[in-house]
PDB file of N, CA and C in Angstrom:
ATOM      1  N   UNK A   1       0.844  -1.168   0.000  1.00  0.00           N
ATOM      2  CA  UNK A   1       0.000   0.000   0.000  1.00  0.00           C
ATOM      3  C   UNK A   1       0.887   1.228   0.000  1.00  0.00           C
ATOM      4  N   UNK A   2       0.474   2.229  -0.742  1.00  0.00           N
ATOM      5  CA  UNK A   2       1.151   3.512  -0.759  1.00  0.00           C
ATOM      6  C   UNK A   2       0.202   4.537  -0.152  1.00  0.00           C
ATOM      7  N   UNK A   3       0.673   5.306   0.821  1.00  0.00           N
ATOM      8  CA  UNK A   3      -0.125   6.360   1.428  1.00  0.00           C
ATOM      9  C   UNK A   3       0.433   7.691   0.938  1.00  0.00           C
ATOM     10  N   UNK A   4      -0.398   8.443   0.242  1.00  0.00           N
ATOM     11  CA  UNK A   4      -0.022   9.735  -0.321  1.00  0.00           C
ATOM     12  C   UNK A   4      -0.649  10.815   0.556  1.00  0.00           C
ATOM     13  N   UNK A   5       0.139  11.824   0.923  1.00  0.00           N
ATOM     14  CA  UNK A   5      -0.343  12.889   1.805  1.00  0.00           C
ATOM     15  C   UNK A   5      -0.066  14.255   1.205  1.00  0.00           C
ATOM     16  N   UNK A   6      -0.951  15.188   1.530  1.00  0.00           N
ATOM     17  CA  UNK A   6      -0.772  16.581   1.133  1.00  0.00           C
ATOM     18  C   UNK A   6      -1.617  17.446   2.061  1.00  0.00           C
ATOM     19  N   UNK A   7      -1.105  18.624   2.435  1.00  0.00           N
ATOM     20  CA  UNK A   7      -1.937  19.551   3.200  1.00  0.00           C
ATOM     21  C   UNK A   7      -2.760  20.386   2.231  1.00  0.00           C
ATOM     22  N   UNK A   8      -3.953  20.746   2.685  1.00  0.00           N
ATOM     23  CA  UNK A   8      -4.891  21.540   1.886  1.00  0.00           C
ATOM     24  C   UNK A   8      -5.293  22.781   2.678  1.00  0.00           C
ATOM     25  N   UNK A   9      -5.737  23.806   1.969  1.00  0.00           N
ATOM     26  CA  UNK A   9      -6.018  25.079   2.641  1.00  0.00           C
ATOM     27  C   UNK A   9      -7.221  25.014   3.575  1.00  0.00           C
ATOM     28  N   UNK A  10      -8.182  24.122   3.295  1.00  0.00           N
ATOM     29  CA  UNK A  10      -9.358  24.023   4.164  1.00  0.00           C
ATOM     30  C   UNK A  10     -10.061  22.676   3.950  1.00  0.00           C
ATOM     31  N   UNK A  11     -11.102  22.454   4.738  1.00  0.00           N
ATOM     32  CA  UNK A  11     -11.837  21.190   4.681  1.00  0.00           C
ATOM     33  C   UNK A  11     -12.472  20.967   3.305  1.00  0.00           C
ATOM     34  N   UNK A  12     -13.009  22.021   2.723  1.00  0.00           N
ATOM     35  CA  UNK A  12     -13.663  21.901   1.417  1.00  0.00           C
ATOM     36  C   UNK A  12     -12.708  21.432   0.335  1.00  0.00           C
ATOM     37  N   UNK A  13     -11.520  22.000   0.311  1.00  0.00           N
ATOM     38  CA  UNK A  13     -10.537  21.587  -0.686  1.00  0.00           C
ATOM     39  C   UNK A  13     -10.115  20.137  -0.460  1.00  0.00           C
ATOM     40  N   UNK A  14      -9.865  19.775   0.796  1.00  0.00           N
ATOM     41  CA  UNK A  14      -9.478  18.388   1.097  1.00  0.00           C
ATOM     42  C   UNK A  14     -10.587  17.418   0.688  1.00  0.00           C
ATOM     43  N   UNK A  15     -11.827  17.760   0.982  1.00  0.00           N
ATOM     44  CA  UNK A  15     -12.952  16.890   0.631  1.00  0.00           C
ATOM     45  C   UNK A  15     -13.107  16.763  -0.889  1.00  0.00           C
ATOM     46  N   UNK A  16     -12.950  17.870  -1.599  1.00  0.00           N
ATOM     47  CA  UNK A  16     -13.077  17.858  -3.063  1.00  0.00           C
ATOM     48  C   UNK A  16     -12.006  16.966  -3.695  1.00  0.00           C
ATOM     49  N   UNK A  17     -10.769  17.083  -3.227  1.00  0.00           N
ATOM     50  CA  UNK A  17      -9.687  16.263  -3.770  1.00  0.00           C
ATOM     51  C   UNK A  17      -9.900  14.799  -3.389  1.00  0.00           C
ATOM     52  N   UNK A  18     -10.312  14.543  -2.146  1.00  0.00           N
ATOM     53  CA  UNK A  18     -10.572  13.166  -1.706  1.00  0.00           C
ATOM     54  C   UNK A  18     -11.651  12.515  -2.576  1.00  0.00           C
ATOM     55  N   UNK A  19     -12.751  13.230  -2.806  1.00  0.00           N
ATOM     56  CA  UNK A  19     -13.838  12.676  -3.641  1.00  0.00           C
ATOM     57  C   UNK A  19     -13.355  12.380  -5.056  1.00  0.00           C
ATOM     58  N   UNK A  20     -12.534  13.249  -5.601  1.00  0.00           N
ATOM     59  CA  UNK A  20     -12.017  13.030  -6.963  1.00  0.00           C
ATOM     60  C   UNK A  20     -11.115  11.802  -7.007  1.00  0.00           C
ATOM     61  N   UNK A  21     -10.217  11.671  -6.057  1.00  0.00           N
ATOM     62  CA  UNK A  21      -9.297  10.521  -6.050  1.00  0.00           C
ATOM     63  C   UNK A  21     -10.050   9.209  -5.900  1.00  0.00           C
ATOM     64  N   UNK A  22     -11.002   9.170  -4.984  1.00  0.00           N
ATOM     65  CA  UNK A  22     -11.778   7.945  -4.775  1.00  0.00           C
ATOM     66  C   UNK A  22     -12.736   7.717  -5.947  1.00  0.00           C
ATOM     67  N   UNK A  23     -13.373   8.775  -6.411  1.00  0.00           N
ATOM     68  CA  UNK A  23     -14.325   8.661  -7.523  1.00  0.00           C
ATOM     69  C   UNK A  23     -13.691   8.158  -8.804  1.00  0.00           C
ATOM     70  N   UNK A  24     -12.450   8.542  -9.051  1.00  0.00           N
ATOM     71  CA  UNK A  24     -11.743   8.090 -10.252  1.00  0.00           C
ATOM     72  C   UNK A  24     -10.973   6.800 -10.018  1.00  0.00           C
ATOM     73  N   UNK A  25     -11.156   6.205  -8.849  1.00  0.00           N
ATOM     74  CA  UNK A  25     -10.480   4.965  -8.449  1.00  0.00           C
ATOM     75  C   UNK A  25      -8.962   5.083  -8.496  1.00  0.00           C
ATOM     76  N   UNK A  26      -8.479   6.280  -8.200  1.00  0.00           N
ATOM     77  CA  UNK A  26      -7.042   6.481  -8.043  1.00  0.00           C
ATOM     78  C   UNK A  26      -6.629   6.131  -6.621  1.00  0.00           C
ATOM     79  N   UNK A  27      -7.577   6.191  -5.702  1.00  0.00           N
ATOM     80  CA  UNK A  27      -7.359   5.813  -4.307  1.00  0.00           C
ATOM     81  C   UNK A  27      -8.558   4.997  -3.854  1.00  0.00           C
ATOM     82  N   UNK A  28      -8.297   4.022  -3.002  1.00  0.00           N
ATOM     83  CA  UNK A  28      -9.389   3.209  -2.468  1.00  0.00           C
ATOM     84  C   UNK A  28     -10.052   3.898  -1.281  1.00  0.00           C
ATOM     85  N   UNK A  29      -9.324   4.793  -0.636  1.00  0.00           N
ATOM     86  CA  UNK A  29      -9.822   5.475   0.553  1.00  0.00           C
ATOM     87  C   UNK A  29      -9.043   6.766   0.725  1.00  0.00           C
ATOM     88  N   UNK A  30      -9.699   7.783   1.230  1.00  0.00           N
ATOM     89  CA  UNK A  30      -9.013   9.034   1.556  1.00  0.00           C
ATOM     90  C   UNK A  30      -9.557   9.551   2.883  1.00  0.00           C
ATOM     91  N   UNK A  31      -8.670  10.096   3.687  1.00  0.00           N
ATOM     92  CA  UNK A  31      -9.043  10.675   4.973  1.00  0.00           C
ATOM     93  C   UNK A  31      -8.531  12.103   5.015  1.00  0.00           C
ATOM     94  N   UNK A  32      -9.225  12.962   5.736  1.00  0.00           N
ATOM     95  CA  UNK A  32      -8.737  14.325   5.924  1.00  0.00           C
ATOM     96  C   UNK A  32      -9.122  14.810   7.311  1.00  0.00           C
ATOM     97  N   UNK A  33      -8.205  15.579   7.897  1.00  0.00           N
ATOM     98  CA  UNK A  33      -8.384  16.009   9.280  1.00  0.00           C
ATOM     99  C   UNK A  33      -7.618  17.311   9.496  1.00  0.00           C
ATOM    100  N   UNK A  34      -8.069  18.134  10.460  1.00  0.00           N
ATOM    101  CA  UNK A  34      -7.402  19.420  10.692  1.00  0.00           C
ATOM    102  C   UNK A  34      -6.026  19.250  11.305  1.00  0.00           C
ATOM    103  N   UNK A  35      -5.118  20.119  10.885  1.00  0.00           N
ATOM    104  CA  UNK A  35      -3.754  20.158  11.427  1.00  0.00           C
ATOM    105  C   UNK A  35      -3.314  21.613  11.556  1.00  0.00           C
ATOM    106  N   UNK A  36      -2.336  21.835  12.407  1.00  0.00           N
ATOM    107  CA  UNK A  36      -1.683  23.130  12.520  1.00  0.00           C
ATOM    108  C   UNK A  36      -0.307  22.979  11.891  1.00  0.00           C
ATOM    109  N   UNK A  37       0.031  23.854  10.971  1.00  0.00           N
ATOM    110  CA  UNK A  37       1.299  23.750  10.253  1.00  0.00           C
ATOM    111  C   UNK A  37       2.197  24.951  10.542  1.00  0.00           C
ATOM    112  N   UNK A  38       3.487  24.682  10.555  1.00  0.00           N
ATOM    113  CA  UNK A  38       4.518  25.700  10.705  1.00  0.00           C
ATOM    114  C   UNK A  38       5.550  25.418   9.612  1.00  0.00           C
ATOM    115  N   UNK A  39       5.877  26.419   8.795  1.00  0.00           N
ATOM    116  CA  UNK A  39       6.735  26.163   7.641  1.00  0.00           C
ATOM    117  C   UNK A  39       7.395  27.456   7.169  1.00  0.00           C
ATOM    118  N   UNK A  40       8.432  27.290   6.358  1.00  0.00           N
ATOM    119  CA  UNK A  40       9.076  28.423   5.704  1.00  0.00           C
ATOM    120  C   UNK A  40       8.435  28.627   4.341  1.00  0.00           C
ATOM    121  N   UNK A  41       8.141  29.869   3.993  1.00  0.00           N
ATOM    122  CA  UNK A  41       7.636  30.196   2.673  1.00  0.00           C
ATOM    123  C   UNK A  41       8.203  31.543   2.260  1.00  0.00           C
ATOM    124  N   UNK A  42       8.986  31.525   1.180  1.00  0.00           N
ATOM    125  CA  UNK A  42       9.599  32.736   0.636  1.00  0.00           C
ATOM    126  C   UNK A  42      10.394  33.497   1.700  1.00  0.00           C
ATOM    127  N   UNK A  43      11.223  32.737   2.461  1.00  0.00           N
ATOM    128  CA  UNK A  43      12.119  33.332   3.427  1.00  0.00           C
ATOM    129  C   UNK A  43      11.487  33.762   4.737  1.00  0.00           C
ATOM    130  N   UNK A  44      10.229  33.441   4.926  1.00  0.00           N
ATOM    131  CA  UNK A  44       9.520  33.869   6.120  1.00  0.00           C
ATOM    132  C   UNK A  44       8.866  32.663   6.792  1.00  0.00           C
ATOM    133  N   UNK A  45       8.959  32.606   8.106  1.00  0.00           N
ATOM    134  CA  UNK A  45       8.312  31.506   8.821  1.00  0.00           C
ATOM    135  C   UNK A  45       6.822  31.795   8.919  1.00  0.00           C
ATOM    136  N   UNK A  46       6.017  30.809   8.550  1.00  0.00           N
ATOM    137  CA  UNK A  46       4.567  30.950   8.517  1.00  0.00           C
ATOM    138  C   UNK A  46       3.917  29.905   9.412  1.00  0.00           C
ATOM    139  N   UNK A  47       2.683  30.170   9.801  1.00  0.00           N
ATOM    140  CA  UNK A  47       1.854  29.187  10.494  1.00  0.00           C
ATOM    141  C   UNK A  47       0.489  29.216   9.835  1.00  0.00           C
ATOM    142  N   UNK A  48      -0.173  28.051   9.804  1.00  0.00           N
ATOM    143  CA  UNK A  48      -1.487  28.000   9.173  1.00  0.00           C
ATOM    144  C   UNK A  48      -2.309  26.850   9.731  1.00  0.00           C
ATOM    145  N   UNK A  49      -3.603  27.057   9.776  1.00  0.00           N
ATOM    146  CA  UNK A  49      -4.542  25.979  10.052  1.00  0.00           C
ATOM    147  C   UNK A  49      -4.873  25.367   8.687  1.00  0.00           C
ATOM    148  N   UNK A  50      -4.590  24.098   8.531  1.00  0.00           N
ATOM    149  CA  UNK A  50      -4.795  23.417   7.252  1.00  0.00           C
ATOM    150  C   UNK A  50      -5.521  22.091   7.494  1.00  0.00           C
ATOM    151  N   UNK A  51      -5.777  21.379   6.428  1.00  0.00           N
ATOM    152  CA  UNK A  51      -6.300  20.017   6.503  1.00  0.00           C
ATOM    153  C   UNK A  51      -5.303  19.083   5.847  1.00  0.00           C
ATOM    154  N   UNK A  52      -4.991  17.981   6.518  1.00  0.00           N
ATOM    155  CA  UNK A  52      -4.121  16.947   5.958  1.00  0.00           C
ATOM    156  C   UNK A  52      -4.996  15.926   5.253  1.00  0.00           C
ATOM    157  N   UNK A  53      -4.673  15.666   4.011  1.00  0.00           N
ATOM    158  CA  UNK A  53      -5.361  14.654   3.214  1.00  0.00           C
ATOM    159  C   UNK A  53      -4.414  13.479   3.043  1.00  0.00           C
ATOM    160  N   UNK A  54      -4.881  12.279   3.356  1.00  0.00           N
ATOM    161  CA  UNK A  54      -4.102  11.074   3.088  1.00  0.00           C
ATOM    162  C   UNK A  54      -4.953  10.162   2.213  1.00  0.00           C
ATOM    163  N   UNK A  55      -4.333   9.542   1.243  1.00  0.00           N
ATOM    164  CA  UNK A  55      -5.036   8.655   0.311  1.00  0.00           C
ATOM    165  C   UNK A  55      -4.293   7.333   0.216  1.00  0.00           C
ATOM    166  N   UNK A  56      -5.036   6.249   0.300  1.00  0.00           N
ATOM    167  CA  UNK A  56      -4.454   4.905   0.201  1.00  0.00           C
ATOM    168  C   UNK A  56      -4.577   4.437  -1.239  1.00  0.00           C
ATOM    169  N   UNK A  57      -3.457   4.078  -1.836  1.00  0.00           N
ATOM    170  CA  UNK A  57      -3.427   3.700  -3.240  1.00  0.00           C
ATOM    171  C   UNK A  57      -2.371   2.628  -3.468  1.00  0.00           C
ATOM    172  N   UNK A  58      -2.147   2.331  -4.733  1.00  0.00           N
ATOM    173  CA  UNK A  58      -1.103   1.398  -5.145  1.00  0.00           C
ATOM    174  C   UNK A  58       0.100   2.199  -5.657  1.00  0.00           C
ATOM    175  N   UNK A  59       1.311   1.678  -5.484  1.00  0.00           N
ATOM    176  CA  UNK A  59       2.481   2.398  -5.990  1.00  0.00           C
ATOM    177  C   UNK A  59       2.368   2.753  -7.482  1.00  0.00           C
ATOM    178  N   UNK A  60       1.750   1.902  -8.249  1.00  0.00           N
ATOM    179  CA  UNK A  60       1.613   2.148  -9.693  1.00  0.00           C
ATOM    180  C   UNK A  60       0.715   3.350 -10.010  1.00  0.00           C
ATOM    181  N   UNK A  61      -0.064   3.820  -9.047  1.00  0.00           N
ATOM    182  CA  UNK A  61      -0.975   4.952  -9.268  1.00  0.00           C
ATOM    183  C   UNK A  61      -0.397   6.288  -8.793  1.00  0.00           C
ATOM    184  N   UNK A  62       0.832   6.277  -8.270  1.00  0.00           N
ATOM    185  CA  UNK A  62       1.389   7.498  -7.696  1.00  0.00           C
ATOM    186  C   UNK A  62       1.396   8.661  -8.697  1.00  0.00           C
ATOM    187  N   UNK A  63       1.842   8.435  -9.902  1.00  0.00           N
ATOM    188  CA  UNK A  63       1.884   9.509 -10.899  1.00  0.00           C
ATOM    189  C   UNK A  63       0.511  10.094 -11.166  1.00  0.00           C
ATOM    190  N   UNK A  64      -0.491   9.247 -11.359  1.00  0.00           N
ATOM    191  CA  UNK A  64      -1.855   9.720 -11.621  1.00  0.00           C
ATOM    192  C   UNK A  64      -2.428  10.458 -10.411  1.00  0.00           C
ATOM    193  N   UNK A  65      -2.146   9.959  -9.217  1.00  0.00           N
ATOM    194  CA  UNK A  65      -2.625  10.612  -7.998  1.00  0.00           C
ATOM    195  C   UNK A  65      -2.004  12.000  -7.868  1.00  0.00           C
ATOM    196  N   UNK A  66      -0.713  12.123  -8.076  1.00  0.00           N
ATOM    197  CA  UNK A  66      -0.065  13.432  -7.938  1.00  0.00           C
ATOM    198  C   UNK A  66      -0.555  14.411  -9.003  1.00  0.00           C
ATOM    199  N   UNK A  67      -0.797  13.928 -10.200  1.00  0.00           N
ATOM    200  CA  UNK A  67      -1.329  14.814 -11.252  1.00  0.00           C
ATOM    201  C   UNK A  67      -2.725  15.311 -10.887  1.00  0.00           C
ATOM    202  N   UNK A  68      -3.561  14.433 -10.361  1.00  0.00           N
ATOM    203  CA  UNK A  68      -4.925  14.816  -9.983  1.00  0.00           C
ATOM    204  C   UNK A  68      -4.891  15.829  -8.836  1.00  0.00           C
ATOM    205  N   UNK A  69      -4.069  15.570  -7.835  1.00  0.00           N
ATOM    206  CA  UNK A  69      -3.961  16.517  -6.723  1.00  0.00           C
ATOM    207  C   UNK A  69      -3.493  17.878  -7.242  1.00  0.00           C
ATOM    208  N   UNK A  70      -2.449  17.890  -8.044  1.00  0.00           N
ATOM    209  CA  UNK A  70      -1.908  19.153  -8.567  1.00  0.00           C
ATOM    210  C   UNK A  70      -2.951  19.919  -9.382  1.00  0.00           C
ATOM    211  N   UNK A  71      -3.770  19.208 -10.139  1.00  0.00           N
ATOM    212  CA  UNK A  71      -4.788  19.857 -10.972  1.00  0.00           C
ATOM    213  C   UNK A  71      -5.892  20.500 -10.130  1.00  0.00           C
ATOM    214  N   UNK A  72      -6.182  19.944  -8.964  1.00  0.00           N
ATOM    215  CA  UNK A  72      -7.292  20.421  -8.141  1.00  0.00           C
ATOM    216  C   UNK A  72      -6.869  21.309  -6.977  1.00  0.00           C
ATOM    217  N   UNK A  73      -5.597  21.362  -6.689  1.00  0.00           N
ATOM    218  CA  UNK A  73      -5.101  22.041  -5.491  1.00  0.00           C
ATOM    219  C   UNK A  73      -4.955  23.539  -5.718  1.00  0.00           C
ATOM    220  N   UNK A  74      -5.211  24.318  -4.672  1.00  0.00           N
ATOM    221  CA  UNK A  74      -5.107  25.775  -4.792  1.00  0.00           C
ATOM    222  C   UNK A  74      -3.693  26.307  -4.539  1.00  0.00           C
ATOM    223  N   UNK A  75      -2.848  25.537  -3.882  1.00  0.00           N
ATOM    224  CA  UNK A  75      -1.493  26.015  -3.593  1.00  0.00           C
ATOM    225  C   UNK A  75      -0.634  26.003  -4.852  1.00  0.00           C
ATOM    226  N   UNK A  76       0.233  26.992  -4.958  1.00  0.00           N
ATOM    227  CA  UNK A  76       1.176  27.034  -6.066  1.00  0.00           C
ATOM    228  C   UNK A  76       2.146  25.851  -5.992  1.00  0.00           C
ATOM    229  N   UNK A  77       2.497  25.460  -4.772  1.00  0.00           N
ATOM    230  CA  UNK A  77       3.418  24.343  -4.570  1.00  0.00           C
ATOM    231  C   UNK A  77       2.843  23.384  -3.519  1.00  0.00           C
ATOM    232  N   UNK A  78       1.883  22.541  -3.902  1.00  0.00           N
ATOM    233  CA  UNK A  78       1.406  21.551  -2.930  1.00  0.00           C
ATOM    234  C   UNK A  78       2.508  20.514  -2.694  1.00  0.00           C
ATOM    235  N   UNK A  79       2.868  20.321  -1.435  1.00  0.00           N
ATOM    236  CA  UNK A  79       3.917  19.354  -1.110  1.00  0.00           C
ATOM    237  C   UNK A  79       3.257  17.983  -0.967  1.00  0.00           C
ATOM    238  N   UNK A  80       3.418  17.181  -1.997  1.00  0.00           N
ATOM    239  CA  UNK A  80       2.821  15.841  -2.050  1.00  0.00           C
ATOM    240  C   UNK A  80       3.918  14.845  -1.715  1.00  0.00           C
ATOM    241  N   UNK A  81       3.653  14.011  -0.745  1.00  0.00           N
ATOM    242  CA  UNK A  81       4.654  13.001  -0.398  1.00  0.00           C
ATOM    243  C   UNK A  81       3.949  11.668  -0.168  1.00  0.00           C
ATOM    244  N   UNK A  82       4.737  10.614  -0.234  1.00  0.00           N
ATOM    245  CA  UNK A  82       4.165   9.272  -0.101  1.00  0.00           C
ATOM    246  C   UNK A  82       5.131   8.366   0.636  1.00  0.00           C
ATOM    247  N   UNK A  83       4.556   7.361   1.252  1.00  0.00           N
ATOM    248  CA  UNK A  83       5.376   6.319   1.863  1.00  0.00           C
ATOM    249  C   UNK A  83       4.625   4.987   1.767  1.00  0.00           C
ATOM    250  N   UNK A  84       5.404   3.954   1.655  1.00  0.00           N
ATOM    251  CA  UNK A  84       4.829   2.610   1.610  1.00  0.00           C
ATOM    252  C   UNK A  84       4.508   2.168   3.029  1.00  0.00           C
ATOM    253  N   UNK A  85       3.406   1.484   3.173  1.00  0.00           N
ATOM    254  CA  UNK A  85       3.017   0.929   4.468  1.00  0.00           C
ATOM    255  C   UNK A  85       2.739  -0.550   4.322  1.00  0.00           C
ATOM    256  N   UNK A  86       3.117  -1.261   5.337  1.00  0.00           N
ATOM    257  CA  UNK A  86       2.733  -2.664   5.407  1.00  0.00           C
ATOM    258  C   UNK A  86       1.313  -2.710   5.937  1.00  0.00           C
ATOM    259  N   UNK A  87       0.536  -3.654   5.465  1.00  0.00           N
ATOM    260  CA  UNK A  87      -0.835  -3.800   5.926  1.00  0.00           C
ATOM    261  C   UNK A  87      -1.176  -5.276   5.991  1.00  0.00           C
ATOM    262  N   UNK A  88      -2.343  -5.580   6.463  1.00  0.00           N
ATOM    263  CA  UNK A  88      -2.773  -6.975   6.522  1.00  0.00           C
ATOM    264  C   UNK A  88      -3.062  -7.484   5.119  1.00  0.00           C
ATOM    265  N   UNK A  89      -3.018  -8.774   4.951  1.00  0.00           N
ATOM    266  CA  UNK A  89      -3.329  -9.366   3.642  1.00  0.00           C
ATOM    267  C   UNK A  89      -4.742  -9.008   3.222  1.00  0.00           C
ATOM    268  N   UNK A  90      -5.683  -9.028   4.163  1.00  0.00           N
ATOM    269  CA  UNK A  90      -7.082  -8.697   3.837  1.00  0.00           C
ATOM    270  C   UNK A  90      -7.209  -7.247   3.347  1.00  0.00           C
ATOM    271  N   UNK A  91      -6.531  -6.326   4.023  1.00  0.00           N
ATOM    272  CA  UNK A  91      -6.588  -4.922   3.606  1.00  0.00           C
ATOM    273  C   UNK A  91      -5.909  -4.730   2.257  1.00  0.00           C
ATOM    274  N   UNK A  92      -4.802  -5.410   2.036  1.00  0.00           N
ATOM    275  CA  UNK A  92      -4.120  -5.329   0.739  1.00  0.00           C
ATOM    276  C   UNK A  92      -4.986  -5.869  -0.384  1.00  0.00           C
ATOM    277  N   UNK A  93      -5.677  -6.951  -0.119  1.00  0.00           N
ATOM    278  CA  UNK A  93      -6.583  -7.542  -1.115  1.00  0.00           C
ATOM    279  C   UNK A  93      -7.721  -6.565  -1.429  1.00  0.00           C
ATOM    280  N   UNK A  94      -8.308  -5.972  -0.384  1.00  0.00           N
ATOM    281  CA  UNK A  94      -9.371  -4.988  -0.580  1.00  0.00           C
ATOM    282  C   UNK A  94      -8.885  -3.832  -1.456  1.00  0.00           C
ATOM    283  N   UNK A  95      -7.706  -3.318  -1.161  1.00  0.00           N
ATOM    284  CA  UNK A  95      -7.138  -2.200  -1.918  1.00  0.00           C
ATOM    285  C   UNK A  95      -6.970  -2.575  -3.388  1.00  0.00           C
ATOM    286  N   UNK A  96      -6.370  -3.722  -3.646  1.00  0.00           N
ATOM    287  CA  UNK A  96      -6.159  -4.150  -5.038  1.00  0.00           C
ATOM    288  C   UNK A  96      -7.482  -4.371  -5.764  1.00  0.00           C
ATOM    289  N   UNK A  97      -8.458  -4.957  -5.084  1.00  0.00           N
ATOM    290  CA  UNK A  97      -9.761  -5.205  -5.723  1.00  0.00           C
ATOM    291  C   UNK A  97     -10.475  -3.906  -6.059  1.00  0.00           C
ATOM    292  N   UNK A  98     -10.435  -2.944  -5.152  1.00  0.00           N
ATOM    293  CA  UNK A  98     -11.128  -1.674  -5.379  1.00  0.00           C
ATOM    294  C   UNK A  98     -10.466  -0.824  -6.461  1.00  0.00           C
ATOM    295  N   UNK A  99      -9.181  -1.023  -6.681  1.00  0.00           N
ATOM    296  CA  UNK A  99      -8.469  -0.206  -7.667  1.00  0.00           C
ATOM    297  C   UNK A  99      -8.203  -0.941  -8.976  1.00  0.00           C
ATOM    298  N   UNK A 100      -8.896  -2.029  -9.205  1.00  0.00           N
ATOM    299  CA  UNK A 100      -8.753  -2.732 -10.482  1.00  0.00           C
ATOM    300  C   UNK A 100      -9.205  -1.894 -11.633  1.00  0.00           C
TER     301      UNK A 100
END
């Protein structure tokens, strides 16, 4: 399983991207939740209330997932990152079946 994450400016944006990823079967599941972020932007330290979006997908879908996020995201530079996770055989089977 590959878990792809990106912060979004608000709940609406996170929900819209989540629905698109799941609706197009690029992700089998997406979750979003509020976070507080602290980061550097253009030489200045910033803080923001954002929403973290995580999507469960297959490694082979990473390119399509990142393109979809970039197309729908409001940030000039959405920081999209991913990591592989081990999961149960049943969950892995569910993921593969849903993303056929």
